[in-house]
C-alpha atoms as a PDB file:
ATOM      1  CA  MET A   1     121.084  21.767 148.303  1.00  0.00           C
ATOM      2  CA  SER A   2     120.420  21.443 152.019  1.00  0.00           C
ATOM      3  CA  GLY A   3     117.187  20.161 153.501  1.00  0.00           C
ATOM      4  CA  SER A   4     116.185  23.673 154.514  1.00  0.00           C
ATOM      5  CA  SER A   5     116.911  24.970 150.998  1.00  0.00           C
ATOM      6  CA  ARG A   6     114.798  22.220 149.444  1.00  0.00           C
ATOM      7  CA  LEU A   7     111.959  23.035 151.823  1.00  0.00           C
ATOM      8  CA  ASP A   8     112.284  26.754 151.117  1.00  0.00           C
ATOM      9  CA  LEU A   9     112.102  26.142 147.375  1.00  0.00           C
ATOM     10  CA  LEU A  10     109.052  23.889 147.765  1.00  0.00           C
ATOM     11  CA  ARG A  11     107.387  26.471 150.012  1.00  0.00           C
ATOM     12  CA  GLU A  12     108.064  29.183 147.427  1.00  0.00           C
ATOM     13  CA  LEU A  13     106.736  27.123 144.500  1.00  0.00           C
ATOM     14  CA  VAL A  14     103.550  26.135 146.334  1.00  0.00           C
ATOM     15  CA  GLY A  15     103.101  29.788 147.282  1.00  0.00           C
ATOM     16  CA  LEU A  16     103.053  30.705 143.590  1.00  0.00           C
ATOM     17  CA  GLU A  17      99.506  29.673 142.762  1.00  0.00           C
ATOM     18  CA  SER A  18      99.478  28.363 139.199  1.00  0.00           C
ATOM     19  CA  PRO A  19      96.185  26.889 138.034  1.00  0.00           C
ATOM     20  CA  THR A  20      95.981  26.064 134.344  1.00  0.00           C
ATOM     21  CA  GLY A  21      95.309  29.280 132.426  1.00  0.00           C
ATOM     22  CA  HIS A  22      96.636  31.655 135.089  1.00  0.00           C
ATOM     23  CA  SER A  23      99.568  33.008 133.106  1.00  0.00           C
ATOM     24  CA  GLU A  24     101.038  35.121 135.905  1.00  0.00           C
ATOM     25  CA  GLY A  25     101.414  32.158 138.268  1.00  0.00           C
ATOM     26  CA  LEU A  26     102.474  29.685 135.582  1.00  0.00           C
ATOM     27  CA  ARG A  27     105.209  31.999 134.358  1.00  0.00           C
ATOM     28  CA  ALA A  28     106.391  32.720 137.919  1.00  0.00           C
ATOM     29  CA  VAL A  29     106.838  29.009 138.706  1.00  0.00           C
ATOM     30  CA  ALA A  30     108.616  28.343 135.408  1.00  0.00           C
ATOM     31  CA  GLU A  31     110.924  31.337 135.817  1.00  0.00           C
ATOM     32  CA  ARG A  32     111.805  30.236 139.342  1.00  0.00           C
ATOM     33  CA  VAL A  33     112.819  26.776 138.112  1.00  0.00           C
ATOM     34  CA  ALA A  34     114.756  28.318 135.208  1.00  0.00           C
ATOM     35  CA  ALA A  35     116.655  30.503 137.679  1.00  0.00           C
ATOM     36  CA  GLU A  36     117.646  27.381 139.645  1.00  0.00           C
ATOM     37  CA  LEU A  37     118.914  25.654 136.490  1.00  0.00           C
ATOM     38  CA  GLU A  38     120.795  28.629 135.069  1.00  0.00           C
ATOM     39  CA  PRO A  39     123.904  28.208 137.298  1.00  0.00           C
ATOM     40  CA  HIS A  40     124.207  24.653 135.933  1.00  0.00           C
ATOM     41  CA  GLY A  41     124.397  25.823 132.323  1.00  0.00           C
ATOM     42  CA  GLY A  42     120.686  25.959 131.652  1.00  0.00           C
ATOM     43  CA  ASP A  43     119.709  27.829 128.472  1.00  0.00           C
ATOM     44  CA  ALA A  44     116.044  28.720 129.016  1.00  0.00           C
ATOM     45  CA  SER A  45     113.433  29.706 126.443  1.00  0.00           C
ATOM     46  CA  PHE A  46     109.680  30.261 126.679  1.00  0.00           C
ATOM     47  CA  THR A  47     106.865  29.610 124.252  1.00  0.00           C
ATOM     48  CA  GLY A  48     103.896  31.183 125.935  1.00  0.00           C
ATOM     49  CA  ASP A  49     104.104  29.868 129.496  1.00  0.00           C
ATOM     50  CA  HIS A  50     105.809  26.598 128.501  1.00  0.00           C
ATOM     51  CA  LEU A  51     109.479  26.382 129.515  1.00  0.00           C
ATOM     52  CA  ARG A  52     112.297  24.591 127.738  1.00  0.00           C
ATOM     53  CA  VAL A  53     115.790  24.494 129.242  1.00  0.00           C
ATOM     54  CA  ASP A  54     118.699  22.930 127.366  1.00  0.00           C
ATOM     55  CA  LEU A  55     121.639  21.689 129.440  1.00  0.00           C
ATOM     56  CA  SER A  56     124.827  20.979 127.515  1.00  0.00           C
ATOM     57  CA  GLY A  57     126.727  17.740 127.976  1.00  0.00           C
ATOM     58  CA  GLU A  58     127.930  14.596 126.247  1.00  0.00           C
ATOM     59  CA  GLY A  59     125.787  12.129 124.311  1.00  0.00           C
ATOM     60  CA  GLU A  60     122.201  12.221 123.105  1.00  0.00           C
ATOM     61  CA  PRO A  61     120.109  14.411 125.412  1.00  0.00           C
ATOM     62  CA  LEU A  62     117.923  12.998 128.152  1.00  0.00           C
ATOM     63  CA  LEU A  63     114.508  14.651 128.352  1.00  0.00           C
ATOM     64  CA  LEU A  64     113.102  15.669 131.751  1.00  0.00           C
ATOM     65  CA  LEU A  65     109.345  16.280 131.707  1.00  0.00           C
ATOM     66  CA  GLY A  66     107.272  18.110 134.286  1.00  0.00           C
ATOM     67  CA  HIS A  67     104.462  20.647 134.532  1.00  0.00           C
ATOM     68  CA  VAL A  68     103.943  23.928 136.332  1.00  0.00           C
ATOM     69  CA  ASP A  69     100.144  24.003 136.359  1.00  0.00           C
ATOM     70  CA  THR A  70      97.865  22.687 139.110  1.00  0.00           C
ATOM     71  CA  VAL A  71      94.133  22.039 139.444  1.00  0.00           C
ATOM     72  CA  TRP A  72      93.770  24.537 142.315  1.00  0.00           C
ATOM     73  CA  PRO A  73      92.206  27.958 141.606  1.00  0.00           C
ATOM     74  CA  VAL A  74      93.797  31.187 142.736  1.00  0.00           C
ATOM     75  CA  GLY A  75      92.832  31.872 146.340  1.00  0.00           C
ATOM     76  CA  THR A  76      93.077  28.243 147.487  1.00  0.00           C
ATOM     77  CA  LEU A  77      96.095  29.056 149.668  1.00  0.00           C
ATOM     78  CA  ALA A  78      93.930  31.214 151.923  1.00  0.00           C
ATOM     79  CA  GLY A  79      92.051  28.160 153.194  1.00  0.00           C
ATOM     80  CA  MET A  80      94.693  25.539 152.454  1.00  0.00           C
ATOM     81  CA  PRO A  81      98.036  27.151 153.344  1.00  0.00           C
ATOM     82  CA  PHE A  82     101.435  25.527 153.011  1.00  0.00           C
ATOM     83  CA  ARG A  83     102.368  23.795 156.244  1.00  0.00           C
ATOM     84  CA  VAL A  84     104.773  21.144 157.494  1.00  0.00           C
ATOM     85  CA  GLU A  85     103.525  18.514 159.888  1.00  0.00           C
ATOM     86  CA  ASN A  86     105.036  15.134 160.884  1.00  0.00           C
ATOM     87  CA  GLY A  87     107.508  15.065 158.018  1.00  0.00           C
ATOM     88  CA  ARG A  88     104.894  16.019 155.442  1.00  0.00           C
ATOM     89  CA  ALA A  89     104.509  19.263 153.526  1.00  0.00           C
ATOM     90  CA  TYR A  90     100.906  20.153 152.705  1.00  0.00           C
ATOM     91  CA  GLY A  91      99.556  22.624 150.198  1.00  0.00           C
ATOM     92  CA  PRO A  92      97.899  22.936 146.781  1.00  0.00           C
ATOM     93  CA  GLY A  93     100.125  21.415 144.116  1.00  0.00           C
ATOM     94  CA  SER A  94     102.738  20.241 146.620  1.00  0.00           C
ATOM     95  CA  TYR A  95     102.530  16.615 145.452  1.00  0.00           C
ATOM     96  CA  ASP A  96     101.305  17.143 141.894  1.00  0.00           C
ATOM     97  CA  MET A  97     103.850  18.242 141.100  1.00  0.00           C
ATOM     98  CA  LYS A  98     105.857  21.056 142.624  1.00  0.00           C
ATOM     99  CA  ALA A  99     107.855  18.651 144.772  1.00  0.00           C
ATOM    100  CA  GLY A 100     108.747  16.937 141.489  1.00  0.00           C
ATOM    101  CA  LEU A 101     110.198  20.238 140.276  1.00  0.00           C
ATOM    102  CA  VAL A 102     112.338  20.384 143.420  1.00  0.00           C
ATOM    103  CA  VAL A 103     113.518  16.821 142.717  1.00  0.00           C
ATOM    104  CA  LEU A 104     114.436  17.873 139.178  1.00  0.00           C
ATOM    105  CA  VAL A 105     116.433  20.903 140.304  1.00  0.00           C
ATOM    106  CA  GLU A 106     118.240  18.968 143.014  1.00  0.00           C
ATOM    107  CA  ALA A 107     119.069  16.083 140.646  1.00  0.00           C
ATOM    108  CA  VAL A 108     120.641  18.400 138.072  1.00  0.00           C
ATOM    109  CA  ARG A 109     122.673  20.046 140.820  1.00  0.00           C
ATOM    110  CA  GLU A 110     123.759  16.709 142.282  1.00  0.00           C
ATOM    111  CA  ALA A 111     124.728  15.180 138.930  1.00  0.00           C
ATOM    112  CA  GLY A 112     126.920  18.179 138.135  1.00  0.00           C
ATOM    113  CA  ASP A 113     129.425  17.849 135.309  1.00  0.00           C
ATOM    114  CA  ARG A 114     129.085  14.058 135.306  1.00  0.00           C
ATOM    115  CA  ARG A 115     125.629  14.031 133.740  1.00  0.00           C
ATOM    116  CA  ARG A 116     124.704  13.473 130.133  1.00  0.00           C
ATOM    117  CA  ALA A 117     123.309  16.282 127.999  1.00  0.00           C
ATOM    118  CA  ALA A 118     119.774  17.006 129.162  1.00  0.00           C
ATOM    119  CA  ARG A 119     116.696  18.920 128.137  1.00  0.00           C
ATOM    120  CA  VAL A 120     113.954  20.076 130.505  1.00  0.00           C
ATOM    121  CA  PHE A 121     110.425  20.762 129.315  1.00  0.00           C
ATOM    122  CA  LEU A 122     107.813  22.088 131.750  1.00  0.00           C
ATOM    123  CA  THR A 123     104.242  22.135 130.457  1.00  0.00           C
ATOM    124  CA  ALA A 124     101.788  24.886 131.425  1.00  0.00           C
ATOM    125  CA  ASP A 125      98.563  23.010 130.565  1.00  0.00           C
ATOM    126  CA  GLU A 126      99.241  19.385 131.510  1.00  0.00           C
ATOM    127  CA  GLU A 127      96.215  19.206 133.797  1.00  0.00           C
ATOM    128  CA  ILE A 128      93.870  19.707 130.824  1.00  0.00           C
ATOM    129  CA  GLY A 129      95.700  17.357 128.458  1.00  0.00           C
ATOM    130  CA  SER A 130      98.695  19.462 127.280  1.00  0.00           C
ATOM    131  CA  LEU A 131      96.585  20.755 124.409  1.00  0.00           C
ATOM    132  CA  SER A 132      98.873  23.659 123.491  1.00  0.00           C
ATOM    133  CA  ALA A 133     102.071  22.012 124.716  1.00  0.00           C
ATOM    134  CA  ARG A 134     101.862  18.810 122.667  1.00  0.00           C
ATOM    135  CA  PRO A 135     103.688  20.026 119.528  1.00  0.00           C
ATOM    136  CA  LEU A 136     106.350  21.665 121.696  1.00  0.00           C
ATOM    137  CA  ILE A 137     106.851  18.461 123.711  1.00  0.00           C
ATOM    138  CA  GLU A 138     107.153  16.473 120.502  1.00  0.00           C
ATOM    139  CA  GLU A 139     109.737  18.955 119.216  1.00  0.00           C
ATOM    140  CA  ALA A 140     111.686  18.742 122.480  1.00  0.00           C
ATOM    141  CA  ALA A 141     111.697  14.940 122.206  1.00  0.00           C
ATOM    142  CA  ARG A 142     112.908  14.840 118.603  1.00  0.00           C
ATOM    143  CA  ASP A 143     116.541  13.787 119.200  1.00  0.00           C
ATOM    144  CA  VAL A 144     116.551  12.479 122.781  1.00  0.00           C
ATOM    145  CA  ALA A 145     117.740   9.061 123.958  1.00  0.00           C
ATOM    146  CA  ALA A 146     115.117   8.671 126.703  1.00  0.00           C
ATOM    147  CA  ALA A 147     112.597  10.616 128.756  1.00  0.00           C
ATOM    148  CA  PHE A 148     112.248  10.801 132.529  1.00  0.00           C
ATOM    149  CA  VAL A 149     108.907  12.063 133.874  1.00  0.00           C
ATOM    150  CA  LEU A 150     108.752  13.831 137.241  1.00  0.00           C
ATOM    151  CA  GLU A 151     105.165  12.841 138.032  1.00  0.00           C
ATOM    152  CA  PRO A 152     104.763  11.194 141.455  1.00  0.00           C
ATOM    153  CA  PRO A 153     105.419   7.451 141.823  1.00  0.00           C
ATOM    154  CA  THR A 154     102.657   5.001 142.737  1.00  0.00           C
ATOM    155  CA  PRO A 155     101.335   4.978 146.325  1.00  0.00           C
ATOM    156  CA  ARG A 156     103.878   2.230 147.008  1.00  0.00           C
ATOM    157  CA  GLY A 157     106.680   4.377 145.604  1.00  0.00           C
ATOM    158  CA  ASN A 158     107.090   2.416 142.372  1.00  0.00           C
ATOM    159  CA  LEU A 159     107.981   3.678 138.900  1.00  0.00           C
ATOM    160  CA  LYS A 160     105.798   3.518 135.800  1.00  0.00           C
ATOM    161  CA  THR A 161     106.628   2.072 132.393  1.00  0.00           C
ATOM    162  CA  ALA A 162     103.039   2.043 131.079  1.00  0.00           C
ATOM    163  CA  ARG A 163     100.031   4.354 131.213  1.00  0.00           C
ATOM    164  CA  LYS A 164      96.596   4.214 129.667  1.00  0.00           C
ATOM    165  CA  GLY A 165      95.675   6.480 126.780  1.00  0.00           C
ATOM    166  CA  LEU A 166      92.958   9.025 127.479  1.00  0.00           C
ATOM    167  CA  GLY A 167      90.023  10.261 125.421  1.00  0.00           C
ATOM    168  CA  ARG A 168      87.488  12.923 126.345  1.00  0.00           C
ATOM    169  CA  TYR A 169      84.189  13.128 124.471  1.00  0.00           C
ATOM    170  CA  ARG A 170      80.905  15.042 124.624  1.00  0.00           C
ATOM    171  CA  LEU A 171      77.808  13.378 123.230  1.00  0.00           C
ATOM    172  CA  VAL A 172      75.017  15.837 122.374  1.00  0.00           C
ATOM    173  CA  VAL A 173      71.481  14.610 121.722  1.00  0.00           C
ATOM    174  CA  HIS A 174      69.028  16.806 119.817  1.00  0.00           C
ATOM    175  CA  GLY A 175      65.318  16.043 120.173  1.00  0.00           C
ATOM    176  CA  HIS A 176      62.017  17.849 119.705  1.00  0.00           C
ATOM    177  CA  ALA A 177      60.233  19.695 122.511  1.00  0.00           C
ATOM    178  CA  ALA A 178      56.550  19.218 123.299  1.00  0.00           C
ATOM    179  CA  HIS A 179      54.110  19.538 126.194  1.00  0.00           C
ATOM    180  CA  ALA A 180      54.575  16.439 128.335  1.00  0.00           C
ATOM    181  CA  GLY A 181      50.945  16.379 129.437  1.00  0.00           C
ATOM    182  CA  THR A 182      48.870  17.342 126.405  1.00  0.00           C
ATOM    183  CA  HIS A 183      50.985  16.443 123.365  1.00  0.00           C
ATOM    184  CA  PRO A 184      53.823  14.113 124.397  1.00  0.00           C
ATOM    185  CA  ASP A 185      53.515  12.182 121.120  1.00  0.00           C
ATOM    186  CA  GLU A 186      54.539  15.311 119.230  1.00  0.00           C
ATOM    187  CA  GLY A 187      57.916  15.363 120.963  1.00  0.00           C
ATOM    188  CA  ALA A 188      61.119  13.349 120.755  1.00  0.00           C
ATOM    189  CA  SER A 189      62.890  13.161 124.111  1.00  0.00           C
ATOM    190  CA  ALA A 190      66.606  13.828 124.040  1.00  0.00           C
ATOM    191  CA  VAL A 191      66.812  12.668 127.666  1.00  0.00           C
ATOM    192  CA  GLU A 192      65.255   9.291 126.836  1.00  0.00           C
ATOM    193  CA  GLU A 193      67.558   8.918 123.847  1.00  0.00           C
ATOM    194  CA  LEU A 194      70.565   9.710 126.014  1.00  0.00           C
ATOM    195  CA  ALA A 195      69.490   6.983 128.452  1.00  0.00           C
ATOM    196  CA  HIS A 196      69.624   4.471 125.587  1.00  0.00           C
ATOM    197  CA  GLN A 197      73.047   5.732 124.529  1.00  0.00           C
ATOM    198  CA  ILE A 198      74.459   5.473 128.053  1.00  0.00           C
ATOM    199  CA  LEU A 199      73.658   1.754 128.044  1.00  0.00           C
ATOM    200  CA  VAL A 200      75.404   1.375 124.678  1.00  0.00           C
ATOM    201  CA  LEU A 201      78.446   3.219 126.021  1.00  0.00           C
ATOM    202  CA  ARG A 202      78.491   1.004 129.094  1.00  0.00           C
ATOM    203  CA  GLY A 203      78.679  -1.981 126.768  1.00  0.00           C
ATOM    204  CA  LEU A 204      81.940  -0.700 125.286  1.00  0.00           C
ATOM    205  CA  ASN A 205      83.779  -1.451 128.538  1.00  0.00           C
ATOM    206  CA  ASP A 206      86.216  -4.328 128.106  1.00  0.00           C
ATOM    207  CA  PRO A 207      88.245  -4.787 131.319  1.00  0.00           C
ATOM    208  CA  ARG A 208      90.046  -7.817 129.891  1.00  0.00           C
ATOM    209  CA  HIS A 209      91.639  -5.604 127.241  1.00  0.00           C
ATOM    210  CA  GLY A 210      92.018  -2.548 129.492  1.00  0.00           C
ATOM    211  CA  ILE A 211      89.243  -0.470 127.894  1.00  0.00           C
ATOM    212  CA  THR A 212      87.064   1.666 130.164  1.00  0.00           C
ATOM    213  CA  VAL A 213      84.272   4.019 129.111  1.00  0.00           C
ATOM    214  CA  ASN A 214      82.698   6.172 131.807  1.00  0.00           C
ATOM    215  CA  VAL A 215      79.822   8.622 131.458  1.00  0.00           C
ATOM    216  CA  GLY A 216      80.740  11.034 134.221  1.00  0.00           C
ATOM    217  CA  VAL A 217      78.388  13.990 133.685  1.00  0.00           C
ATOM    218  CA  ILE A 218      74.920  14.274 132.097  1.00  0.00           C
ATOM    219  CA  ARG A 219      72.634  17.245 131.515  1.00  0.00           C
ATOM    220  CA  GLY A 220      69.321  17.663 129.753  1.00  0.00           C
ATOM    221  CA  GLY A 221      65.877  19.196 129.611  1.00  0.00           C
ATOM    222  CA  VAL A 222      64.471  22.436 130.961  1.00  0.00           C
ATOM    223  CA  ARG A 223      61.404  21.432 133.039  1.00  0.00           C
ATOM    224  CA  GLU A 224      59.731  18.239 134.153  1.00  0.00           C
ATOM    225  CA  ASN A 225      56.601  18.971 132.103  1.00  0.00           C
ATOM    226  CA  VAL A 226      58.491  19.472 128.826  1.00  0.00           C
ATOM    227  CA  VAL A 227      59.658  16.708 126.517  1.00  0.00           C
ATOM    228  CA  ALA A 228      63.369  17.498 126.415  1.00  0.00           C
ATOM    229  CA  ASP A 229      64.806  18.730 123.123  1.00  0.00           C
ATOM    230  CA  HIS A 230      68.428  18.672 124.339  1.00  0.00           C
ATOM    231  CA  ALA A 231      70.665  16.415 126.449  1.00  0.00           C
ATOM    232  CA  GLU A 232      74.381  15.816 126.656  1.00  0.00           C
ATOM    233  CA  ALA A 233      76.946  13.589 128.330  1.00  0.00           C
ATOM    234  CA  TRP A 234      80.658  13.920 129.038  1.00  0.00           C
ATOM    235  CA  ILE A 235      82.556  10.684 128.527  1.00  0.00           C
ATOM    236  CA  ASP A 236      85.972   9.533 129.784  1.00  0.00           C
ATOM    237  CA  VAL A 237      87.653   6.782 127.731  1.00  0.00           C
ATOM    238  CA  ARG A 238      90.805   4.900 128.782  1.00  0.00           C
ATOM    239  CA  VAL A 239      92.686   2.428 126.574  1.00  0.00           C
ATOM    240  CA  THR A 240      95.724   0.290 127.442  1.00  0.00           C
ATOM    241  CA  HIS A 241      96.838  -0.652 123.932  1.00  0.00           C
ATOM    242  CA  ALA A 242      97.316   1.700 120.990  1.00  0.00           C
ATOM    243  CA  ALA A 243      95.850  -0.914 118.650  1.00  0.00           C
ATOM    244  CA  ASP A 244      92.481  -0.550 120.412  1.00  0.00           C
ATOM    245  CA  VAL A 245      92.192   3.211 119.897  1.00  0.00           C
ATOM    246  CA  PRO A 246      90.775   3.009 116.331  1.00  0.00           C
ATOM    247  CA  LYS A 247      88.303   0.336 117.467  1.00  0.00           C
ATOM    248  CA  VAL A 248      86.972   2.556 120.254  1.00  0.00           C
ATOM    249  CA  GLU A 249      86.868   5.593 117.966  1.00  0.00           C
ATOM    250  CA  ARG A 250      84.819   3.653 115.396  1.00  0.00           C
ATOM    251  CA  SER A 251      82.379   2.496 118.074  1.00  0.00           C
ATOM    252  CA  LEU A 252      81.846   6.046 119.318  1.00  0.00           C
ATOM    253  CA  SER A 253      81.532   7.631 115.891  1.00  0.00           C
ATOM    254  CA  GLY A 254      79.140   4.843 114.883  1.00  0.00           C
ATOM    255  CA  LEU A 255      76.522   5.566 117.558  1.00  0.00           C
ATOM    256  CA  ILE A 256      73.024   5.783 116.039  1.00  0.00           C
ATOM    257  CA  PRO A 257      69.765   7.058 117.557  1.00  0.00           C
ATOM    258  CA  PHE A 258      67.133   4.706 118.945  1.00  0.00           C
ATOM    259  CA  LEU A 259      64.230   7.166 118.871  1.00  0.00           C
ATOM    260  CA  GLN A 260      62.720   8.699 115.761  1.00  0.00           C
ATOM    261  CA  GLY A 261      63.108  12.457 115.715  1.00  0.00           C
ATOM    262  CA  THR A 262      66.399  12.525 117.651  1.00  0.00           C
ATOM    263  CA  ARG A 263      69.879  13.276 116.353  1.00  0.00           C
ATOM    264  CA  LEU A 264      73.343  12.618 117.806  1.00  0.00           C
ATOM    265  CA  GLU A 265      76.430  14.820 117.698  1.00  0.00           C
ATOM    266  CA  LEU A 266      79.813  13.636 119.006  1.00  0.00           C
ATOM    267  CA  GLU A 267      82.683  15.982 119.921  1.00  0.00           C
ATOM    268  CA  GLY A 268      86.186  15.345 121.263  1.00  0.00           C
ATOM    269  CA  GLY A 269      88.829  12.686 120.824  1.00  0.00           C
ATOM    270  CA  PHE A 270      91.941  11.150 122.345  1.00  0.00           C
ATOM    271  CA  THR A 271      94.200  13.673 124.058  1.00  0.00           C
ATOM    272  CA  ARG A 272      96.875  11.146 125.028  1.00  0.00           C
ATOM    273  CA  PRO A 273      97.861   7.920 123.288  1.00  0.00           C
ATOM    274  CA  PRO A 274      98.632   4.905 125.489  1.00  0.00           C
ATOM    275  CA  LEU A 275     102.159   4.617 126.861  1.00  0.00           C
ATOM    276  CA  GLU A 276     102.949   0.960 126.297  1.00  0.00           C
ATOM    277  CA  ARG A 277     105.695  -0.965 128.032  1.00  0.00           C
ATOM    278  CA  SER A 278     108.673  -1.597 125.754  1.00  0.00           C
ATOM    279  CA  PRO A 279     112.016  -3.415 126.030  1.00  0.00           C
ATOM    280  CA  ALA A 280     113.801  -0.052 126.174  1.00  0.00           C
ATOM    281  CA  SER A 281     111.586   1.341 128.933  1.00  0.00           C
ATOM    282  CA  THR A 282     112.089  -1.899 130.858  1.00  0.00           C
ATOM    283  CA  GLN A 283     115.826  -1.421 130.448  1.00  0.00           C
ATOM    284  CA  LEU A 284     115.516   2.083 131.902  1.00  0.00           C
ATOM    285  CA  PHE A 285     113.564   0.684 134.826  1.00  0.00           C
ATOM    286  CA  GLU A 286     116.130  -2.044 135.521  1.00  0.00           C
ATOM    287  CA  GLN A 287     118.856   0.581 135.653  1.00  0.00           C
ATOM    288  CA  ALA A 288     116.732   2.714 137.981  1.00  0.00           C
ATOM    289  CA  ARG A 289     116.092  -0.305 140.175  1.00  0.00           C
ATOM    290  CA  ALA A 290     119.831  -0.980 140.433  1.00  0.00           C
ATOM    291  CA  HIS A 291     120.492   2.648 141.368  1.00  0.00           C
ATOM    292  CA  GLY A 292     117.601   2.543 143.814  1.00  0.00           C
ATOM    293  CA  LEU A 293     118.922  -0.491 145.661  1.00  0.00           C
ATOM    294  CA  GLU A 294     122.139   1.427 146.341  1.00  0.00           C
ATOM    295  CA  LEU A 295     119.993   4.210 147.823  1.00  0.00           C
ATOM    296  CA  GLY A 296     117.890   1.896 149.967  1.00  0.00           C
ATOM    297  CA  LEU A 297     114.900   1.850 147.590  1.00  0.00           C
ATOM    298  CA  ASP A 298     113.247  -1.416 146.564  1.00  0.00           C
ATOM    299  CA  LEU A 299     111.637  -0.211 143.349  1.00  0.00           C
ATOM    300  CA  HIS A 300     109.172  -2.174 141.248  1.00  0.00           C
ATOM    301  CA  GLU A 301     107.716  -1.651 137.795  1.00  0.00           C
ATOM    302  CA  SER A 302     104.110  -0.516 137.560  1.00  0.00           C
ATOM    303  CA  ALA A 303     101.406   0.715 135.183  1.00  0.00           C
ATOM    304  CA  SER A 304      98.927   3.558 135.694  1.00  0.00           C
ATOM    305  CA  GLY A 305      95.387   4.209 134.539  1.00  0.00           C
ATOM    306  CA  GLY A 306      96.137   7.917 134.274  1.00  0.00           C
ATOM    307  CA  GLY A 307      98.064   9.700 131.537  1.00  0.00           C
ATOM    308  CA  SER A 308     101.019  12.075 131.560  1.00  0.00           C
ATOM    309  CA  ASP A 309     103.195  13.917 129.063  1.00  0.00           C
ATOM    310  CA  GLY A 310     105.219  10.712 128.922  1.00  0.00           C
ATOM    311  CA  ASN A 311     102.387   9.244 126.813  1.00  0.00           C
ATOM    312  CA  LEU A 312     103.033  11.845 124.120  1.00  0.00           C
ATOM    313  CA  VAL A 313     106.754  11.139 124.032  1.00  0.00           C
ATOM    314  CA  GLY A 314     106.367   7.366 124.185  1.00  0.00           C
ATOM    315  CA  ALA A 315     104.147   7.487 121.084  1.00  0.00           C
ATOM    316  CA  LEU A 316     107.186   8.834 119.194  1.00  0.00           C
ATOM    317  CA  GLY A 317     109.185   5.700 120.037  1.00  0.00           C
ATOM    318  CA  VAL A 318     111.198   7.330 122.836  1.00  0.00           C
ATOM    319  CA  PRO A 319     111.809   5.095 125.903  1.00  0.00           C
ATOM    320  CA  VAL A 320     109.994   6.579 128.904  1.00  0.00           C
ATOM    321  CA  LEU A 321     110.368   6.078 132.641  1.00  0.00           C
ATOM    322  CA  ASP A 322     107.663   7.796 134.683  1.00  0.00           C
ATOM    323  CA  GLY A 323     106.974   8.340 138.377  1.00  0.00           C
ATOM    324  CA  LEU A 324     110.352   9.818 139.307  1.00  0.00           C
ATOM    325  CA  GLY A 325     108.896  12.607 141.439  1.00  0.00           C
ATOM    326  CA  ALA A 326     108.538  12.775 145.208  1.00  0.00           C
ATOM    327  CA  GLU A 327     106.388  10.425 147.268  1.00  0.00           C
ATOM    328  CA  GLY A 328     103.226  11.607 148.958  1.00  0.00           C
ATOM    329  CA  GLY A 329      99.493  11.494 148.383  1.00  0.00           C
ATOM    330  CA  GLY A 330      96.224  13.361 148.053  1.00  0.00           C
ATOM    331  CA  ALA A 331      96.670  14.535 144.467  1.00  0.00           C
ATOM    332  CA  HIS A 332      93.850  16.976 143.590  1.00  0.00           C
ATOM    333  CA  ALA A 333      92.477  16.604 147.148  1.00  0.00           C
ATOM    334  CA  ARG A 334      92.527  18.895 150.168  1.00  0.00           C
ATOM    335  CA  ASP A 335      94.973  16.627 152.012  1.00  0.00           C
ATOM    336  CA  GLU A 336      97.542  16.846 149.190  1.00  0.00           C
ATOM    337  CA  HIS A 337     100.993  16.364 150.684  1.00  0.00           C
ATOM    338  CA  VAL A 338     104.547  15.294 149.964  1.00  0.00           C
ATOM    339  CA  LEU A 339     106.865  13.192 152.126  1.00  0.00           C
ATOM    340  CA  LEU A 340     109.833  15.484 152.699  1.00  0.00           C
ATOM    341  CA  ASP A 341     112.325  12.658 153.317  1.00  0.00           C
ATOM    342  CA  SER A 342     111.603  11.288 149.854  1.00  0.00           C
ATOM    343  CA  ILE A 343     112.799  14.399 148.013  1.00  0.00           C
ATOM    344  CA  PRO A 344     116.590  13.972 148.473  1.00  0.00           C
ATOM    345  CA  VAL A 345     116.443  10.215 147.823  1.00  0.00           C
ATOM    346  CA  ARG A 346     114.403  10.607 144.641  1.00  0.00           C
ATOM    347  CA  ALA A 347     116.707  13.432 143.546  1.00  0.00           C
ATOM    348  CA  SER A 348     119.718  11.151 144.005  1.00  0.00           C
ATOM    349  CA  LEU A 349     117.975   8.446 141.979  1.00  0.00           C
ATOM    350  CA  LEU A 350     117.329  10.849 139.114  1.00  0.00           C
ATOM    351  CA  ALA A 351     120.866  12.254 139.333  1.00  0.00           C
ATOM    352  CA  ARG A 352     122.290   8.744 138.884  1.00  0.00           C
ATOM    353  CA  LEU A 353     120.027   8.178 135.883  1.00  0.00           C
ATOM    354  CA  LEU A 354     121.246  11.441 134.355  1.00  0.00           C
ATOM    355  CA  ILE A 355     124.803  10.132 134.708  1.00  0.00           C
ATOM    356  CA  GLU A 356     124.150   6.496 133.838  1.00  0.00           C
ATOM    357  CA  PRO A 357     120.691   5.963 132.278  1.00  0.00           C
ATOM    358  CA  GLY A 358     121.371   2.397 131.201  1.00  0.00           C
ATOM    359  CA  LEU A 359     120.859   2.915 127.448  1.00  0.00           C
END
């Protein structure tokens, strides 16, 4: 694929707005990628808007993971159009991760008949935790030798062999309303109780063990002169080691009220288990590093605080190498962009891994 063809494909994919839940756009992006893979023997099938493409070949299949959804609502292109400037392509979803889809397509083309058997799975709800895709991803990973994830690399261009697990919770506090001026003693403030709970949650942070608990959003009460009978908080939890997940879950489920007359209700859970570094994933990285040196890349191994679909596959015991997408920056921000020169190099890296993964 020529440089102009790669750019045209990226332009087309970014132009297909595909926020999570927008079936028309999600399906259009997935069908476009499927059409690119079909000439290379791709056998495509859909479950909802999730795409699976099986590519025949020798050996145990290699799984290629990506997603077609973005965080950008329909209509974003009107004020944030696709443009190319100083070797960068800008636009909603360009970096996360439509350029990664271009890398995938180009790598399959470049590897040709030399590659191992492969399986592509493109998730339609990755940006909200792959809630409906998870069982399908696990099915796609059932008999594979390794998984390569087309998420972007680190800002320094490095690959990822570890990611934190992610939990999302909502803590609801029920209190008892009363007039704040005349009968405050008859009430039980849900807002005050939530303030106590936030301090308890803050105490669950353990940076030494890679555990972070962040209360990102709070709401409560109806007016300043009413003792609040309702308050709630949205909580982000990140864990480095799988062994710490039950400990954090017990701490959260064990929260108890401080104030008489209040009641707590906890919703949510872990959407992604931690992706922990393993000897096999390190072996994949070392092979990628060797391939990269031949391509002029000085790759290093890294870990990420964010999750990906690689977390779900890694929890099954499959070796995972993440961060094989295109370089760039501004994920989920208005300056989102991809470095165009990185696309062919990263595609060549992935093509070599599809031929010689090192396992």
